[in-house]
């Protein structure tokens, strides 16, 4: 019996499809160093939900991560960037992040989503949060942590990807809370028409998601030629002492090494 249990535990570990860390990927070394220096900046991210003639299009201020093991992260890197930071799940739970709820457009759940959205956003509030009660804000909060299982994705690096499976990203996110200084939700059709995303992100400039040096599990950079330069940049981050800087440097991992091992 004991041998059987041991074998089962080992098999389960080898079949692990989630990581003990969550990853935030970006496109440049400069952005990665800025994250280490200032924490994560919130920005308005668009979510679109489509079912026939019904389209929901809105922006909400979030910071997002993926729950993908390093051995499976190559496809995600190709879309979001070859630089990144991996943080522990314990940090994510402490900061109250949550996995995204994925919906299929043909599901009963999506029909309920449309009903709630039309009731509390389109008809009642019209994106004016001051008109919503605290329980009603709670209902909308659930919507802000929801995405389609599959839909088209456009990225500057890859162009249009049709029928992209968002659920493969296993996203975790945190959405900025209610404040008089910025909106929890913006009408996507208005933002897209006026190209106001950059302007609205300026209202989030002072909002940060923080972490400590020992929350970091991995620091990913693109190629080995950059290692010395990145170490120099880390040494210049004044908020960390020498010991903390040493700890971060020990977490550096080159994307080229990851891709060769996949």
Protein backbone atom coordinates (compact mmCIF):
# COMPACT_ATOMS: atom_id res chain seq x y z
CA UNK A 1 0.00 0.00 0.00
CA UNK A 2 2.76 2.46 0.93
CA UNK A 3 4.59 1.76 -2.31
CA UNK A 4 1.44 2.41 -4.32
CA UNK A 5 0.82 5.73 -2.59
CA UNK A 6 4.41 6.81 -3.17
CA UNK A 7 4.16 5.98 -6.86
CA UNK A 8 0.90 7.91 -7.11
CA UNK A 9 2.41 11.00 -5.52
CA UNK A 10 5.41 10.89 -7.85
CA UNK A 11 3.21 10.48 -10.91
CA UNK A 12 1.04 13.40 -9.84
CA UNK A 13 4.08 15.66 -9.47
CA UNK A 14 5.37 14.75 -12.94
CA UNK A 15 1.97 15.57 -14.45
CA UNK A 16 1.84 19.02 -12.88
CA UNK A 17 0.28 21.50 -15.31
CA UNK A 18 0.41 24.58 -13.08
CA UNK A 19 3.44 26.43 -11.81
CA UNK A 20 4.36 27.27 -8.24
CA UNK A 21 5.00 30.76 -9.60
CA UNK A 22 3.04 33.19 -11.72
CA UNK A 23 4.76 35.08 -14.52
CA UNK A 24 4.45 38.59 -15.92
CA UNK A 25 6.15 38.92 -19.31
CA UNK A 26 7.16 42.10 -21.10
CA UNK A 27 9.02 43.21 -24.22
CA UNK A 28 12.16 44.98 -22.98
CA UNK A 29 14.89 44.96 -20.37
CA UNK A 30 14.03 48.56 -19.51
CA UNK A 31 10.46 47.67 -18.57
CA UNK A 32 11.68 44.72 -16.48
CA UNK A 33 14.11 46.95 -14.54
CA UNK A 34 11.34 49.53 -14.10
CA UNK A 35 9.11 46.83 -12.56
CA UNK A 36 11.88 45.91 -10.13
CA UNK A 37 12.37 49.57 -9.26
CA UNK A 38 8.78 50.81 -9.00
CA UNK A 39 6.55 47.75 -8.81
CA UNK A 40 3.87 46.83 -11.36
CA UNK A 41 1.94 49.64 -13.00
CA UNK A 42 -1.77 49.14 -13.56
CA UNK A 43 -3.03 49.79 -17.08
CA UNK A 44 -6.38 49.61 -18.81
CA UNK A 45 -6.81 46.28 -20.58
CA UNK A 46 -9.60 45.61 -23.05
CA UNK A 47 -11.90 42.62 -22.74
CA UNK A 48 -14.28 41.81 -25.57
CA UNK A 49 -17.12 39.30 -25.35
CA UNK A 50 -18.97 38.32 -28.53
CA UNK A 51 -21.94 36.09 -29.20
CA UNK A 52 -23.74 36.68 -32.47
CA UNK A 53 -24.82 40.32 -32.55
CA UNK A 54 -24.13 40.80 -28.84
CA UNK A 55 -20.78 42.49 -28.16
CA UNK A 56 -19.44 43.64 -24.80
CA UNK A 57 -16.37 45.85 -25.10
CA UNK A 58 -14.79 47.47 -22.05
CA UNK A 59 -11.46 48.43 -20.48
CA UNK A 60 -10.58 47.80 -16.85
CA UNK A 61 -7.34 48.66 -14.96
CA UNK A 62 -5.44 45.48 -14.13
CA UNK A 63 -2.09 43.78 -13.71
CA UNK A 64 -2.07 40.28 -15.18
CA UNK A 65 0.08 37.15 -14.92
CA UNK A 66 0.10 33.62 -16.33
CA UNK A 67 0.16 30.37 -14.36
CA UNK A 68 2.29 28.38 -16.80
CA UNK A 69 5.34 26.23 -15.96
CA UNK A 70 8.64 27.45 -17.44
CA UNK A 71 8.81 24.31 -19.57
CA UNK A 72 5.60 25.36 -21.36
CA UNK A 73 6.06 29.12 -21.52
CA UNK A 74 7.63 29.48 -24.99
CA UNK A 75 4.37 30.12 -26.87
CA UNK A 76 3.32 32.74 -24.31
CA UNK A 77 6.72 34.45 -24.60
CA UNK A 78 6.31 34.78 -28.38
CA UNK A 79 3.21 36.94 -27.84
CA UNK A 80 4.08 38.98 -24.75
CA UNK A 81 7.88 39.28 -24.64
CA UNK A 82 11.14 37.58 -23.71
CA UNK A 83 11.64 39.43 -20.43
CA UNK A 84 9.70 38.68 -17.29
CA UNK A 85 9.41 38.15 -13.61
CA UNK A 86 8.13 35.09 -11.80
CA UNK A 87 6.64 35.60 -8.35
CA UNK A 88 5.53 33.03 -5.80
CA UNK A 89 1.92 31.89 -5.53
CA UNK A 90 2.10 32.80 -1.84
CA UNK A 91 2.73 36.42 -2.88
CA UNK A 92 -0.20 36.26 -5.31
CA UNK A 93 -2.51 34.99 -2.60
CA UNK A 94 -1.24 37.57 -0.10
CA UNK A 95 -1.91 40.37 -2.60
CA UNK A 96 -5.36 38.88 -3.32
CA UNK A 97 -4.90 38.08 -6.98
CA UNK A 98 -7.31 35.58 -8.49
CA UNK A 99 -7.41 33.24 -11.49
CA UNK A 100 -9.60 34.46 -14.33
CA UNK A 101 -12.97 32.78 -14.92
CA UNK A 102 -13.14 31.62 -18.56
CA UNK A 103 -16.49 31.48 -20.35
CA UNK A 104 -17.56 29.78 -23.55
CA UNK A 105 -19.71 32.06 -25.71
CA UNK A 106 -22.36 29.35 -26.15
CA UNK A 107 -22.66 28.60 -22.44
CA UNK A 108 -25.53 29.34 -20.09
CA UNK A 109 -23.04 31.27 -17.97
CA UNK A 110 -22.35 33.67 -20.82
CA UNK A 111 -26.07 34.30 -21.25
CA UNK A 112 -26.22 35.21 -17.57
CA UNK A 113 -23.18 37.45 -18.03
CA UNK A 114 -24.95 39.36 -20.81
CA UNK A 115 -28.01 39.82 -18.63
CA UNK A 116 -26.02 41.18 -15.69
CA UNK A 117 -23.91 43.45 -17.91
CA UNK A 118 -26.97 44.97 -19.60
CA UNK A 119 -28.71 45.47 -16.25
CA UNK A 120 -25.90 47.08 -14.26
CA UNK A 121 -23.77 48.73 -16.93
CA UNK A 122 -25.74 49.42 -20.11
CA UNK A 123 -29.11 50.23 -18.52
CA UNK A 124 -28.52 51.35 -14.93
CA UNK A 125 -25.05 52.77 -14.43
CA UNK A 126 -23.85 53.52 -17.93
CA UNK A 127 -20.27 53.22 -16.63
CA UNK A 128 -21.01 55.73 -13.85
CA UNK A 129 -19.84 53.89 -10.72
CA UNK A 130 -21.24 56.50 -8.34
CA UNK A 131 -24.74 55.24 -9.12
CA UNK A 132 -24.02 51.68 -8.00
CA UNK A 133 -24.47 50.32 -4.50
CA UNK A 134 -21.68 48.29 -2.88
CA UNK A 135 -23.44 44.94 -3.64
CA UNK A 136 -23.88 46.05 -7.26
CA UNK A 137 -20.20 46.95 -7.50
CA UNK A 138 -19.49 43.46 -6.21
CA UNK A 139 -21.45 41.97 -9.10
CA UNK A 140 -19.47 44.03 -11.61
CA UNK A 141 -16.24 43.02 -9.87
CA UNK A 142 -16.96 39.41 -10.84
CA UNK A 143 -17.33 40.48 -14.46
CA UNK A 144 -13.92 42.17 -14.38
CA UNK A 145 -12.29 38.82 -13.61
CA UNK A 146 -13.90 37.06 -16.58
CA UNK A 147 -12.65 36.31 -20.13
CA UNK A 148 -13.71 34.31 -23.15
CA UNK A 149 -12.30 30.80 -23.51
CA UNK A 150 -11.48 31.47 -27.15
CA UNK A 151 -11.60 34.48 -29.50
CA UNK A 152 -9.45 36.47 -31.92
CA UNK A 153 -6.30 38.10 -30.51
CA UNK A 154 -4.31 40.91 -32.07
CA UNK A 155 -0.73 41.55 -30.98
CA UNK A 156 1.75 43.89 -32.68
CA UNK A 157 4.40 41.17 -32.52
CA UNK A 158 2.29 38.43 -34.11
CA UNK A 159 -0.56 40.19 -35.93
CA UNK A 160 -4.07 38.73 -35.77
CA UNK A 161 -4.40 35.25 -34.29
CA UNK A 162 -7.83 33.81 -35.05
CA UNK A 163 -9.63 31.64 -32.49
CA UNK A 164 -6.86 32.10 -29.95
CA UNK A 165 -7.38 30.02 -26.80
CA UNK A 166 -7.16 32.55 -23.97
CA UNK A 167 -7.77 29.77 -21.48
CA UNK A 168 -4.32 28.34 -22.31
CA UNK A 169 -2.79 31.40 -20.63
CA UNK A 170 -4.26 30.42 -17.26
CA UNK A 171 -4.34 34.08 -16.35
CA UNK A 172 -4.28 35.45 -12.82
CA UNK A 173 -5.08 39.12 -12.40
CA UNK A 174 -5.76 41.89 -9.95
CA UNK A 175 -8.13 44.69 -10.91
CA UNK A 176 -7.76 48.14 -9.38
CA UNK A 177 -10.37 48.89 -6.75
CA UNK A 178 -12.97 51.63 -6.73
CA UNK A 179 -11.59 55.16 -6.52
CA UNK A 180 -12.71 58.69 -7.30
CA UNK A 181 -9.40 59.23 -9.16
CA UNK A 182 -10.02 56.74 -11.97
CA UNK A 183 -12.76 54.56 -13.43
CA UNK A 184 -13.09 50.85 -12.65
CA UNK A 185 -14.55 50.31 -16.11
CA UNK A 186 -14.47 52.27 -19.38
CA UNK A 187 -16.74 51.88 -22.39
CA UNK A 188 -14.50 50.22 -24.97
CA UNK A 189 -16.30 51.67 -27.96
CA UNK A 190 -15.72 55.22 -26.70
CA UNK A 191 -12.09 54.58 -25.76
CA UNK A 192 -11.30 52.92 -29.09
CA UNK A 193 -12.96 55.68 -31.09
CA UNK A 194 -11.10 58.45 -29.29
CA UNK A 195 -7.81 56.61 -28.75
CA UNK A 196 -7.99 57.62 -25.08
CA UNK A 197 -6.25 54.63 -23.52
CA UNK A 198 -2.93 56.44 -22.96
CA UNK A 199 -4.75 59.42 -21.46
CA UNK A 200 -6.75 57.21 -19.10
CA UNK A 201 -3.64 55.28 -18.03
CA UNK A 202 -2.18 58.55 -16.75
CA UNK A 203 -4.85 58.53 -14.04
CA UNK A 204 -3.31 55.27 -12.78
CA UNK A 205 0.24 56.62 -12.64
CA UNK A 206 0.53 56.49 -8.84
CA UNK A 207 -1.10 53.08 -8.49
CA UNK A 208 1.34 50.20 -7.94
CA UNK A 209 1.32 46.49 -7.14
CA UNK A 210 4.31 45.92 -4.86
CA UNK A 211 6.49 42.92 -4.02
CA UNK A 212 9.59 42.18 -1.96
CA UNK A 213 12.88 40.77 -3.19
CA UNK A 214 12.21 37.37 -1.61
CA UNK A 215 8.86 37.11 -3.44
CA UNK A 216 10.81 36.81 -6.71
CA UNK A 217 11.39 33.29 -8.03
CA UNK A 218 12.66 34.05 -11.55
CA UNK A 219 13.93 37.00 -13.58
CA UNK A 220 13.87 36.19 -17.30
CA UNK A 221 15.98 38.01 -19.88
CA UNK A 222 16.37 37.36 -23.61
CA UNK A 223 19.99 36.38 -24.32
CA UNK A 224 23.21 35.66 -22.48
CA UNK A 225 24.96 38.77 -23.85
CA UNK A 226 22.70 40.91 -21.65
CA UNK A 227 23.54 39.24 -18.34
CA UNK A 228 26.33 41.61 -17.27
CA UNK A 229 24.28 44.67 -18.22
CA UNK A 230 21.22 43.48 -16.32
CA UNK A 231 23.34 42.77 -13.24
CA UNK A 232 24.67 46.33 -13.41
CA UNK A 233 21.10 47.66 -13.66
CA UNK A 234 20.02 45.65 -10.62
CA UNK A 235 22.98 47.03 -8.65
CA UNK A 236 21.65 50.55 -9.34
CA UNK A 237 18.23 49.91 -7.75
CA UNK A 238 18.65 51.87 -4.53
CA UNK A 239 15.63 50.48 -2.67
CA UNK A 240 17.40 47.10 -2.39
CA UNK A 241 20.52 46.57 -0.31
CA UNK A 242 23.51 44.49 -1.52
CA UNK A 243 22.17 41.27 -0.04
CA UNK A 244 18.77 41.76 -1.67
CA UNK A 245 20.43 42.59 -4.98
CA UNK A 246 22.51 39.40 -4.72
CA UNK A 247 19.31 37.43 -4.18
CA UNK A 248 17.69 38.90 -7.29
CA UNK A 249 20.79 38.30 -9.40
CA UNK A 250 20.72 34.64 -8.35
CA UNK A 251 17.20 34.39 -9.83
CA UNK A 252 18.30 35.47 -13.34
CA UNK A 253 17.49 32.94 -16.06
CA UNK A 254 18.11 33.33 -19.78
CA UNK A 255 15.22 32.73 -22.17
CA UNK A 256 17.62 31.14 -24.67
CA UNK A 257 18.41 28.47 -22.07
CA UNK A 258 14.71 27.89 -21.42
CA UNK A 259 13.92 27.51 -25.14
CA UNK A 260 16.81 25.06 -25.68
CA UNK A 261 15.54 22.85 -22.86
CA UNK A 262 11.92 22.74 -24.07
